[in-house]
Amino acid sequence: FWTGFAPVGYADMTSSERTVNFFMVYLAAPVVILFYICYKIYYRTPFMRSHNMDLHTGVRELNLMELLAEERAEQAKWPKWKKAYKFLC
C-alpha cells in the first residue's frame, strides 16, 4: 500500500495523477477481500486457525555463523579479478 501513498516519482506527478494512482492501488484490497469471501461461501471451506496449521514443517534453521562461514568460503574461491571488482564496486 505504500506505493499507493507515495509511488516512485510522485514528486513529478500532478495531483490528479497521484489521486488516480492512489485509488487504483487501494481499490485492489476490497476486490481481493470480496473474491476471498465469495470463494469461502461458494466452496464452503472453513476458516483455519493458526493453531491448527502446520507452521513448522519446512522452516529452515537460521544459523547465522554457519551461513557467514559458507559465504566466506565461497568468496575465498573467487578469482582475483572478481575479488578486486567486488572490492571496488
PDB file of N, CA and C in Angstrom:
ATOM      1  N   PHE A   1       0.807  -1.199   0.000  1.00  0.00           N
ATOM      2  CA  PHE A   1       0.000   0.000   0.000  1.00  0.00           C
ATOM      3  C   PHE A   1       0.853   1.267   0.000  1.00  0.00           C
ATOM      4  N   TRP A   2       2.126   1.127   0.312  1.00  0.00           N
ATOM      5  CA  TRP A   2       3.000   2.291   0.307  1.00  0.00           C
ATOM      6  C   TRP A   2       3.109   2.873  -1.097  1.00  0.00           C
ATOM      7  N   THR A   3       3.046   2.031  -2.122  1.00  0.00           N
ATOM      8  CA  THR A   3       3.138   2.531  -3.493  1.00  0.00           C
ATOM      9  C   THR A   3       1.929   3.356  -3.881  1.00  0.00           C
ATOM     10  N   GLY A   4       0.813   3.148  -3.217  1.00  0.00           N
ATOM     11  CA  GLY A   4      -0.349   3.995  -3.471  1.00  0.00           C
ATOM     12  C   GLY A   4      -0.212   5.350  -2.805  1.00  0.00           C
ATOM     13  N   PHE A   5       0.405   5.367  -1.642  1.00  0.00           N
ATOM     14  CA  PHE A   5       0.563   6.612  -0.897  1.00  0.00           C
ATOM     15  C   PHE A   5       1.690   7.474  -1.468  1.00  0.00           C
ATOM     16  N   ALA A   6       2.834   6.858  -1.731  1.00  0.00           N
ATOM     17  CA  ALA A   6       3.993   7.599  -2.243  1.00  0.00           C
ATOM     18  C   ALA A   6       4.665   6.772  -3.331  1.00  0.00           C
ATOM     19  N   PRO A   7       4.108   6.779  -4.560  1.00  0.00           N
ATOM     20  CA  PRO A   7       4.701   5.970  -5.637  1.00  0.00           C
ATOM     21  C   PRO A   7       6.051   6.533  -6.071  1.00  0.00           C
ATOM     22  N   VAL A   8       6.789   5.726  -6.772  1.00  0.00           N
ATOM     23  CA  VAL A   8       8.091   6.153  -7.285  1.00  0.00           C
ATOM     24  C   VAL A   8       7.859   7.306  -8.260  1.00  0.00           C
ATOM     25  N   GLY A   9       8.559   8.383  -8.057  1.00  0.00           N
ATOM     26  CA  GLY A   9       8.436   9.549  -8.926  1.00  0.00           C
ATOM     27  C   GLY A   9       7.221  10.403  -8.609  1.00  0.00           C
ATOM     28  N   TYR A  10       6.709  10.331  -7.385  1.00  0.00           N
ATOM     29  CA  TYR A  10       5.497  11.088  -7.054  1.00  0.00           C
ATOM     30  C   TYR A  10       5.727  12.599  -7.081  1.00  0.00           C
ATOM     31  N   ALA A  11       6.957  13.035  -6.920  1.00  0.00           N
ATOM     32  CA  ALA A  11       7.231  14.476  -6.946  1.00  0.00           C
ATOM     33  C   ALA A  11       6.986  15.059  -8.331  1.00  0.00           C
ATOM     34  N   ASP A  12       7.151  14.233  -9.363  1.00  0.00           N
ATOM     35  CA  ASP A  12       6.951  14.698 -10.730  1.00  0.00           C
ATOM     36  C   ASP A  12       5.513  14.540 -11.203  1.00  0.00           C
ATOM     37  N   MET A  13       4.671  13.886 -10.401  1.00  0.00           N
ATOM     38  CA  MET A  13       3.283  13.630 -10.799  1.00  0.00           C
ATOM     39  C   MET A  13       2.389  14.807 -10.414  1.00  0.00           C
ATOM     40  N   THR A  14       1.352  15.010 -11.204  1.00  0.00           N
ATOM     41  CA  THR A  14       0.364  16.030 -10.847  1.00  0.00           C
ATOM     42  C   THR A  14      -0.534  15.463  -9.757  1.00  0.00           C
ATOM     43  N   SER A  15      -1.314  16.324  -9.149  1.00  0.00           N
ATOM     44  CA  SER A  15      -2.183  15.864  -8.066  1.00  0.00           C
ATOM     45  C   SER A  15      -3.253  14.909  -8.586  1.00  0.00           C
ATOM     46  N   SER A  16      -3.738  15.120  -9.799  1.00  0.00           N
ATOM     47  CA  SER A  16      -4.742  14.198 -10.342  1.00  0.00           C
ATOM     48  C   SER A  16      -4.120  12.831 -10.640  1.00  0.00           C
ATOM     49  N   GLU A  17      -2.879  12.803 -11.122  1.00  0.00           N
ATOM     50  CA  GLU A  17      -2.204  11.521 -11.361  1.00  0.00           C
ATOM     51  C   GLU A  17      -1.971  10.773 -10.055  1.00  0.00           C
ATOM     52  N   ARG A  18      -1.591  11.503  -9.000  1.00  0.00           N
ATOM     53  CA  ARG A  18      -1.397  10.867  -7.695  1.00  0.00           C
ATOM     54  C   ARG A  18      -2.712  10.323  -7.149  1.00  0.00           C
ATOM     55  N   THR A  19      -3.805  11.076  -7.341  1.00  0.00           N
ATOM     56  CA  THR A  19      -5.113  10.626  -6.865  1.00  0.00           C
ATOM     57  C   THR A  19      -5.551   9.369  -7.597  1.00  0.00           C
ATOM     58  N   VAL A  20      -5.416   9.355  -8.911  1.00  0.00           N
ATOM     59  CA  VAL A  20      -5.783   8.171  -9.693  1.00  0.00           C
ATOM     60  C   VAL A  20      -4.928   6.984  -9.280  1.00  0.00           C
ATOM     61  N   ASN A  21      -3.650   7.172  -9.122  1.00  0.00           N
ATOM     62  CA  ASN A  21      -2.748   6.094  -8.709  1.00  0.00           C
ATOM     63  C   ASN A  21      -3.127   5.571  -7.331  1.00  0.00           C
ATOM     64  N   PHE A  22      -3.454   6.468  -6.402  1.00  0.00           N
ATOM     65  CA  PHE A  22      -3.831   6.076  -5.051  1.00  0.00           C
ATOM     66  C   PHE A  22      -5.054   5.167  -5.072  1.00  0.00           C
ATOM     67  N   PHE A  23      -6.099   5.570  -5.791  1.00  0.00           N
ATOM     68  CA  PHE A  23      -7.322   4.771  -5.808  1.00  0.00           C
ATOM     69  C   PHE A  23      -7.159   3.470  -6.587  1.00  0.00           C
ATOM     70  N   MET A  24      -6.325   3.479  -7.620  1.00  0.00           N
ATOM     71  CA  MET A  24      -6.083   2.229  -8.352  1.00  0.00           C
ATOM     72  C   MET A  24      -5.408   1.205  -7.456  1.00  0.00           C
ATOM     73  N   VAL A  25      -4.485   1.636  -6.616  1.00  0.00           N
ATOM     74  CA  VAL A  25      -3.774   0.725  -5.730  1.00  0.00           C
ATOM     75  C   VAL A  25      -4.658   0.291  -4.570  1.00  0.00           C
ATOM     76  N   TYR A  26      -5.359   1.212  -3.952  1.00  0.00           N
ATOM     77  CA  TYR A  26      -6.142   0.891  -2.767  1.00  0.00           C
ATOM     78  C   TYR A  26      -7.453   0.185  -3.070  1.00  0.00           C
ATOM     79  N   LEU A  27      -7.956   0.277  -4.286  1.00  0.00           N
ATOM     80  CA  LEU A  27      -9.177  -0.445  -4.621  1.00  0.00           C
ATOM     81  C   LEU A  27      -8.913  -1.929  -4.863  1.00  0.00           C
ATOM     82  N   ALA A  28      -7.668  -2.322  -4.949  1.00  0.00           N
ATOM     83  CA  ALA A  28      -7.352  -3.733  -5.118  1.00  0.00           C
ATOM     84  C   ALA A  28      -7.692  -4.523  -3.858  1.00  0.00           C
ATOM     85  N   ALA A  29      -7.511  -3.952  -2.685  1.00  0.00           N
ATOM     86  CA  ALA A  29      -7.773  -4.663  -1.429  1.00  0.00           C
ATOM     87  C   ALA A  29      -9.248  -5.061  -1.284  1.00  0.00           C
ATOM     88  N   PRO A  30     -10.214  -4.168  -1.484  1.00  0.00           N
ATOM     89  CA  PRO A  30     -11.609  -4.602  -1.379  1.00  0.00           C
ATOM     90  C   PRO A  30     -11.994  -5.655  -2.412  1.00  0.00           C
ATOM     91  N   VAL A  31     -11.428  -5.571  -3.608  1.00  0.00           N
ATOM     92  CA  VAL A  31     -11.725  -6.569  -4.634  1.00  0.00           C
ATOM     93  C   VAL A  31     -11.197  -7.939  -4.203  1.00  0.00           C
ATOM     94  N   VAL A  32      -9.985  -7.993  -3.682  1.00  0.00           N
ATOM     95  CA  VAL A  32      -9.410  -9.258  -3.222  1.00  0.00           C
ATOM     96  C   VAL A  32     -10.227  -9.818  -2.067  1.00  0.00           C
ATOM     97  N   ILE A  33     -10.596  -8.976  -1.125  1.00  0.00           N
ATOM     98  CA  ILE A  33     -11.395  -9.434   0.017  1.00  0.00           C
ATOM     99  C   ILE A  33     -12.756  -9.933  -0.448  1.00  0.00           C
ATOM    100  N   LEU A  34     -13.389  -9.238  -1.379  1.00  0.00           N
ATOM    101  CA  LEU A  34     -14.680  -9.670  -1.912  1.00  0.00           C
ATOM    102  C   LEU A  34     -14.579 -11.042  -2.564  1.00  0.00           C
ATOM    103  N   PHE A  35     -13.560 -11.255  -3.407  1.00  0.00           N
ATOM    104  CA  PHE A  35     -13.402 -12.540  -4.059  1.00  0.00           C
ATOM    105  C   PHE A  35     -13.065 -13.644  -3.053  1.00  0.00           C
ATOM    106  N   TYR A  36     -12.315 -13.315  -2.025  1.00  0.00           N
ATOM    107  CA  TYR A  36     -11.981 -14.294  -0.989  1.00  0.00           C
ATOM    108  C   TYR A  36     -13.236 -14.747  -0.243  1.00  0.00           C
ATOM    109  N   ILE A  37     -14.084 -13.813   0.125  1.00  0.00           N
ATOM    110  CA  ILE A  37     -15.324 -14.158   0.831  1.00  0.00           C
ATOM    111  C   ILE A  37     -16.257 -14.948  -0.074  1.00  0.00           C
ATOM    112  N   CYS A  38     -16.357 -14.546  -1.342  1.00  0.00           N
ATOM    113  CA  CYS A  38     -17.198 -15.306  -2.289  1.00  0.00           C
ATOM    114  C   CYS A  38     -16.678 -16.727  -2.453  1.00  0.00           C
ATOM    115  N   TYR A  39     -15.374 -16.895  -2.521  1.00  0.00           N
ATOM    116  CA  TYR A  39     -14.786 -18.227  -2.620  1.00  0.00           C
ATOM    117  C   TYR A  39     -15.131 -19.066  -1.401  1.00  0.00           C
ATOM    118  N   LYS A  40     -14.995 -18.475  -0.214  1.00  0.00           N
ATOM    119  CA  LYS A  40     -15.290 -19.195   1.027  1.00  0.00           C
ATOM    120  C   LYS A  40     -16.759 -19.609   1.092  1.00  0.00           C
ATOM    121  N   ILE A  41     -17.639 -18.752   0.645  1.00  0.00           N
ATOM    122  CA  ILE A  41     -19.067 -19.076   0.673  1.00  0.00           C
ATOM    123  C   ILE A  41     -19.411 -20.127  -0.373  1.00  0.00           C
ATOM    124  N   TYR A  42     -18.894 -19.969  -1.577  1.00  0.00           N
ATOM    125  CA  TYR A  42     -19.249 -20.887  -2.663  1.00  0.00           C
ATOM    126  C   TYR A  42     -18.728 -22.301  -2.415  1.00  0.00           C
ATOM    127  N   TYR A  43     -17.466 -22.409  -2.001  1.00  0.00           N
ATOM    128  CA  TYR A  43     -16.871 -23.734  -1.789  1.00  0.00           C
ATOM    129  C   TYR A  43     -17.045 -24.241  -0.354  1.00  0.00           C
ATOM    130  N   ARG A  44     -17.606 -23.438   0.511  1.00  0.00           N
ATOM    131  CA  ARG A  44     -17.863 -23.800   1.912  1.00  0.00           C
ATOM    132  C   ARG A  44     -16.611 -24.321   2.620  1.00  0.00           C
ATOM    133  N   THR A  45     -15.516 -23.636   2.431  1.00  0.00           N
ATOM    134  CA  THR A  45     -14.278 -24.020   3.099  1.00  0.00           C
ATOM    135  C   THR A  45     -14.218 -23.325   4.451  1.00  0.00           C
ATOM    136  N   PRO A  46     -13.776 -24.033   5.474  1.00  0.00           N
ATOM    137  CA  PRO A  46     -13.744 -23.413   6.807  1.00  0.00           C
ATOM    138  C   PRO A  46     -12.545 -22.471   6.944  1.00  0.00           C
ATOM    139  N   PHE A  47     -12.699 -21.517   7.833  1.00  0.00           N
ATOM    140  CA  PHE A  47     -11.572 -20.663   8.183  1.00  0.00           C
ATOM    141  C   PHE A  47     -10.674 -21.455   9.113  1.00  0.00           C
ATOM    142  N   MET A  48      -9.392 -21.459   8.853  1.00  0.00           N
ATOM    143  CA  MET A  48      -8.462 -22.258   9.646  1.00  0.00           C
ATOM    144  C   MET A  48      -7.715 -21.338  10.615  1.00  0.00           C
ATOM    145  N   ARG A  49      -7.665 -21.753  11.838  1.00  0.00           N
ATOM    146  CA  ARG A  49      -6.946 -21.003  12.868  1.00  0.00           C
ATOM    147  C   ARG A  49      -5.465 -21.358  12.805  1.00  0.00           C
ATOM    148  N   SER A  50      -4.633 -20.460  13.253  1.00  0.00           N
ATOM    149  CA  SER A  50      -3.196 -20.686  13.171  1.00  0.00           C
ATOM    150  C   SER A  50      -2.732 -21.846  14.050  1.00  0.00           C
ATOM    151  N   HIS A  51      -3.422 -22.115  15.141  1.00  0.00           N
ATOM    152  CA  HIS A  51      -3.006 -23.236  15.986  1.00  0.00           C
ATOM    153  C   HIS A  51      -3.342 -24.586  15.347  1.00  0.00           C
ATOM    154  N   ASN A  52      -4.163 -24.605  14.301  1.00  0.00           N
ATOM    155  CA  ASN A  52      -4.460 -25.837  13.573  1.00  0.00           C
ATOM    156  C   ASN A  52      -3.549 -26.026  12.357  1.00  0.00           C
ATOM    157  N   MET A  53      -2.770 -25.033  12.018  1.00  0.00           N
ATOM    158  CA  MET A  53      -1.889 -25.098  10.852  1.00  0.00           C
ATOM    159  C   MET A  53      -0.530 -25.655  11.243  1.00  0.00           C
ATOM    160  N   ASP A  54       0.113 -26.301  10.272  1.00  0.00           N
ATOM    161  CA  ASP A  54       1.480 -26.773  10.476  1.00  0.00           C
ATOM    162  C   ASP A  54       2.417 -25.666  10.007  1.00  0.00           C
ATOM    163  N   LEU A  55       2.875 -24.868  10.937  1.00  0.00           N
ATOM    164  CA  LEU A  55       3.720 -23.722  10.610  1.00  0.00           C
ATOM    165  C   LEU A  55       5.197 -24.006  10.802  1.00  0.00           C
ATOM    166  N   HIS A  56       5.555 -25.233  11.166  1.00  0.00           N
ATOM    167  CA  HIS A  56       6.936 -25.541  11.498  1.00  0.00           C
ATOM    168  C   HIS A  56       7.616 -26.466  10.498  1.00  0.00           C
ATOM    169  N   THR A  57       6.868 -27.236   9.723  1.00  0.00           N
ATOM    170  CA  THR A  57       7.468 -28.141   8.748  1.00  0.00           C
ATOM    171  C   THR A  57       8.079 -27.333   7.609  1.00  0.00           C
ATOM    172  N   GLY A  58       9.312 -27.609   7.305  1.00  0.00           N
ATOM    173  CA  GLY A  58       9.986 -26.940   6.207  1.00  0.00           C
ATOM    174  C   GLY A  58      10.630 -25.614   6.572  1.00  0.00           C
ATOM    175  N   VAL A  59      10.534 -25.201   7.811  1.00  0.00           N
ATOM    176  CA  VAL A  59      11.164 -23.955   8.229  1.00  0.00           C
ATOM    177  C   VAL A  59      12.656 -24.211   8.400  1.00  0.00           C
ATOM    178  N   ARG A  60      13.445 -23.379   7.780  1.00  0.00           N
ATOM    179  CA  ARG A  60      14.886 -23.545   7.824  1.00  0.00           C
ATOM    180  C   ARG A  60      15.438 -22.902   9.089  1.00  0.00           C
ATOM    181  N   GLU A  61      16.342 -23.591   9.716  1.00  0.00           N
ATOM    182  CA  GLU A  61      17.010 -23.028  10.890  1.00  0.00           C
ATOM    183  C   GLU A  61      17.970 -21.931  10.426  1.00  0.00           C
ATOM    184  N   LEU A  62      17.946 -20.831  11.095  1.00  0.00           N
ATOM    185  CA  LEU A  62      18.807 -19.722  10.727  1.00  0.00           C
ATOM    186  C   LEU A  62      20.027 -19.730  11.637  1.00  0.00           C
ATOM    187  N   ASN A  63      21.092 -20.312  11.127  1.00  0.00           N
ATOM    188  CA  ASN A  63      22.357 -20.329  11.849  1.00  0.00           C
ATOM    189  C   ASN A  63      23.258 -19.312  11.155  1.00  0.00           C
ATOM    190  N   LEU A  64      23.285 -18.115  11.680  1.00  0.00           N
ATOM    191  CA  LEU A  64      23.972 -17.010  11.033  1.00  0.00           C
ATOM    192  C   LEU A  64      25.470 -17.253  10.887  1.00  0.00           C
ATOM    193  N   MET A  65      26.069 -17.822  11.913  1.00  0.00           N
ATOM    194  CA  MET A  65      27.513 -18.062  11.847  1.00  0.00           C
ATOM    195  C   MET A  65      27.850 -19.071  10.737  1.00  0.00           C
ATOM    196  N   GLU A  66      27.038 -20.093  10.598  1.00  0.00           N
ATOM    197  CA  GLU A  66      27.269 -21.094   9.553  1.00  0.00           C
ATOM    198  C   GLU A  66      27.088 -20.484   8.169  1.00  0.00           C
ATOM    199  N   LEU A  67      26.053 -19.646   7.998  1.00  0.00           N
ATOM    200  CA  LEU A  67      25.820 -19.000   6.709  1.00  0.00           C
ATOM    201  C   LEU A  67      26.968 -18.058   6.343  1.00  0.00           C
ATOM    202  N   LEU A  68      27.468 -17.322   7.317  1.00  0.00           N
ATOM    203  CA  LEU A  68      28.600 -16.432   7.055  1.00  0.00           C
ATOM    204  C   LEU A  68      29.859 -17.210   6.703  1.00  0.00           C
ATOM    205  N   ALA A  69      30.076 -18.339   7.366  1.00  0.00           N
ATOM    206  CA  ALA A  69      31.241 -19.173   7.062  1.00  0.00           C
ATOM    207  C   ALA A  69      31.146 -19.729   5.643  1.00  0.00           C
ATOM    208  N   GLU A  70      29.946 -20.149   5.230  1.00  0.00           N
ATOM    209  CA  GLU A  70      29.762 -20.638   3.861  1.00  0.00           C
ATOM    210  C   GLU A  70      30.018 -19.537   2.845  1.00  0.00           C
ATOM    211  N   GLU A  71      29.534 -18.340   3.135  1.00  0.00           N
ATOM    212  CA  GLU A  71      29.738 -17.222   2.211  1.00  0.00           C
ATOM    213  C   GLU A  71      31.211 -16.858   2.102  1.00  0.00           C
ATOM    214  N   ARG A  72      31.925 -16.843   3.219  1.00  0.00           N
ATOM    215  CA  ARG A  72      33.357 -16.526   3.183  1.00  0.00           C
ATOM    216  C   ARG A  72      34.145 -17.611   2.451  1.00  0.00           C
ATOM    217  N   ALA A  73      33.751 -18.893   2.625  1.00  0.00           N
ATOM    218  CA  ALA A  73      34.426 -19.982   1.919  1.00  0.00           C
ATOM    219  C   ALA A  73      34.209 -19.854   0.414  1.00  0.00           C
ATOM    220  N   GLU A  74      33.003 -19.464   0.019  1.00  0.00           N
ATOM    221  CA  GLU A  74      32.723 -19.281  -1.399  1.00  0.00           C
ATOM    222  C   GLU A  74      33.512 -18.105  -1.962  1.00  0.00           C
ATOM    223  N   GLN A  75      33.586 -17.004  -1.205  1.00  0.00           N
ATOM    224  CA  GLN A  75      34.329 -15.843  -1.663  1.00  0.00           C
ATOM    225  C   GLN A  75      35.826 -16.119  -1.735  1.00  0.00           C
ATOM    226  N   ALA A  76      36.335 -17.016  -0.910  1.00  0.00           N
ATOM    227  CA  ALA A  76      37.757 -17.362  -0.951  1.00  0.00           C
ATOM    228  C   ALA A  76      38.110 -18.086  -2.245  1.00  0.00           C
ATOM    229  N   LYS A  77      37.152 -18.729  -2.868  1.00  0.00           N
ATOM    230  CA  LYS A  77      37.388 -19.464  -4.119  1.00  0.00           C
ATOM    231  C   LYS A  77      37.311 -18.559  -5.350  1.00  0.00           C
ATOM    232  N   TRP A  78      36.882 -17.324  -5.176  1.00  0.00           N
ATOM    233  CA  TRP A  78      36.765 -16.419  -6.310  1.00  0.00           C
ATOM    234  C   TRP A  78      38.138 -16.111  -6.900  1.00  0.00           C
ATOM    235  N   PRO A  79      38.215 -15.857  -8.216  1.00  0.00           N
ATOM    236  CA  PRO A  79      39.478 -15.417  -8.812  1.00  0.00           C
ATOM    237  C   PRO A  79      39.797 -13.980  -8.357  1.00  0.00           C
ATOM    238  N   LYS A  80      41.041 -13.594  -8.528  1.00  0.00           N
ATOM    239  CA  LYS A  80      41.484 -12.283  -8.038  1.00  0.00           C
ATOM    240  C   LYS A  80      40.756 -11.125  -8.715  1.00  0.00           C
ATOM    241  N   TRP A  81      40.444 -11.273 -10.017  1.00  0.00           N
ATOM    242  CA  TRP A  81      39.758 -10.188 -10.710  1.00  0.00           C
ATOM    243  C   TRP A  81      38.375  -9.943 -10.118  1.00  0.00           C
ATOM    244  N   LYS A  82      37.702 -11.010  -9.705  1.00  0.00           N
ATOM    245  CA  LYS A  82      36.369 -10.868  -9.126  1.00  0.00           C
ATOM    246  C   LYS A  82      36.442 -10.250  -7.726  1.00  0.00           C
ATOM    247  N   LYS A  83      37.443 -10.635  -6.966  1.00  0.00           N
ATOM    248  CA  LYS A  83      37.627 -10.031  -5.639  1.00  0.00           C
ATOM    249  C   LYS A  83      37.892  -8.538  -5.771  1.00  0.00           C
ATOM    250  N   ALA A  84      38.736  -8.155  -6.745  1.00  0.00           N
ATOM    251  CA  ALA A  84      39.040  -6.746  -6.951  1.00  0.00           C
ATOM    252  C   ALA A  84      37.790  -5.988  -7.417  1.00  0.00           C
ATOM    253  N   TYR A  85      37.053  -6.610  -8.320  1.00  0.00           N
ATOM    254  CA  TYR A  85      35.817  -5.984  -8.816  1.00  0.00           C
ATOM    255  C   TYR A  85      34.831  -5.756  -7.676  1.00  0.00           C
ATOM    256  N   LYS A  86      34.615  -6.769  -6.833  1.00  0.00           N
ATOM    257  CA  LYS A  86      33.675  -6.636  -5.712  1.00  0.00           C
ATOM    258  C   LYS A  86      34.182  -5.629  -4.689  1.00  0.00           C
ATOM    259  N   PHE A  87      35.487  -5.512  -4.544  1.00  0.00           N
ATOM    260  CA  PHE A  87      36.042  -4.529  -3.614  1.00  0.00           C
ATOM    261  C   PHE A  87      35.797  -3.116  -4.118  1.00  0.00           C
ATOM    262  N   LEU A  88      35.973  -2.899  -5.423  1.00  0.00           N
ATOM    263  CA  LEU A  88      35.828  -1.567  -5.995  1.00  0.00           C
ATOM    264  C   LEU A  88      34.377  -1.181  -6.246  1.00  0.00           C
ATOM    265  N   CYS A  89      33.546  -2.141  -6.509  1.00  0.00           N
ATOM    266  CA  CYS A  89      32.142  -1.828  -6.838  1.00  0.00           C
ATOM    267  C   CYS A  89      31.282  -2.148  -5.697  1.00  0.00           C
TER     268      CYS A  89
END
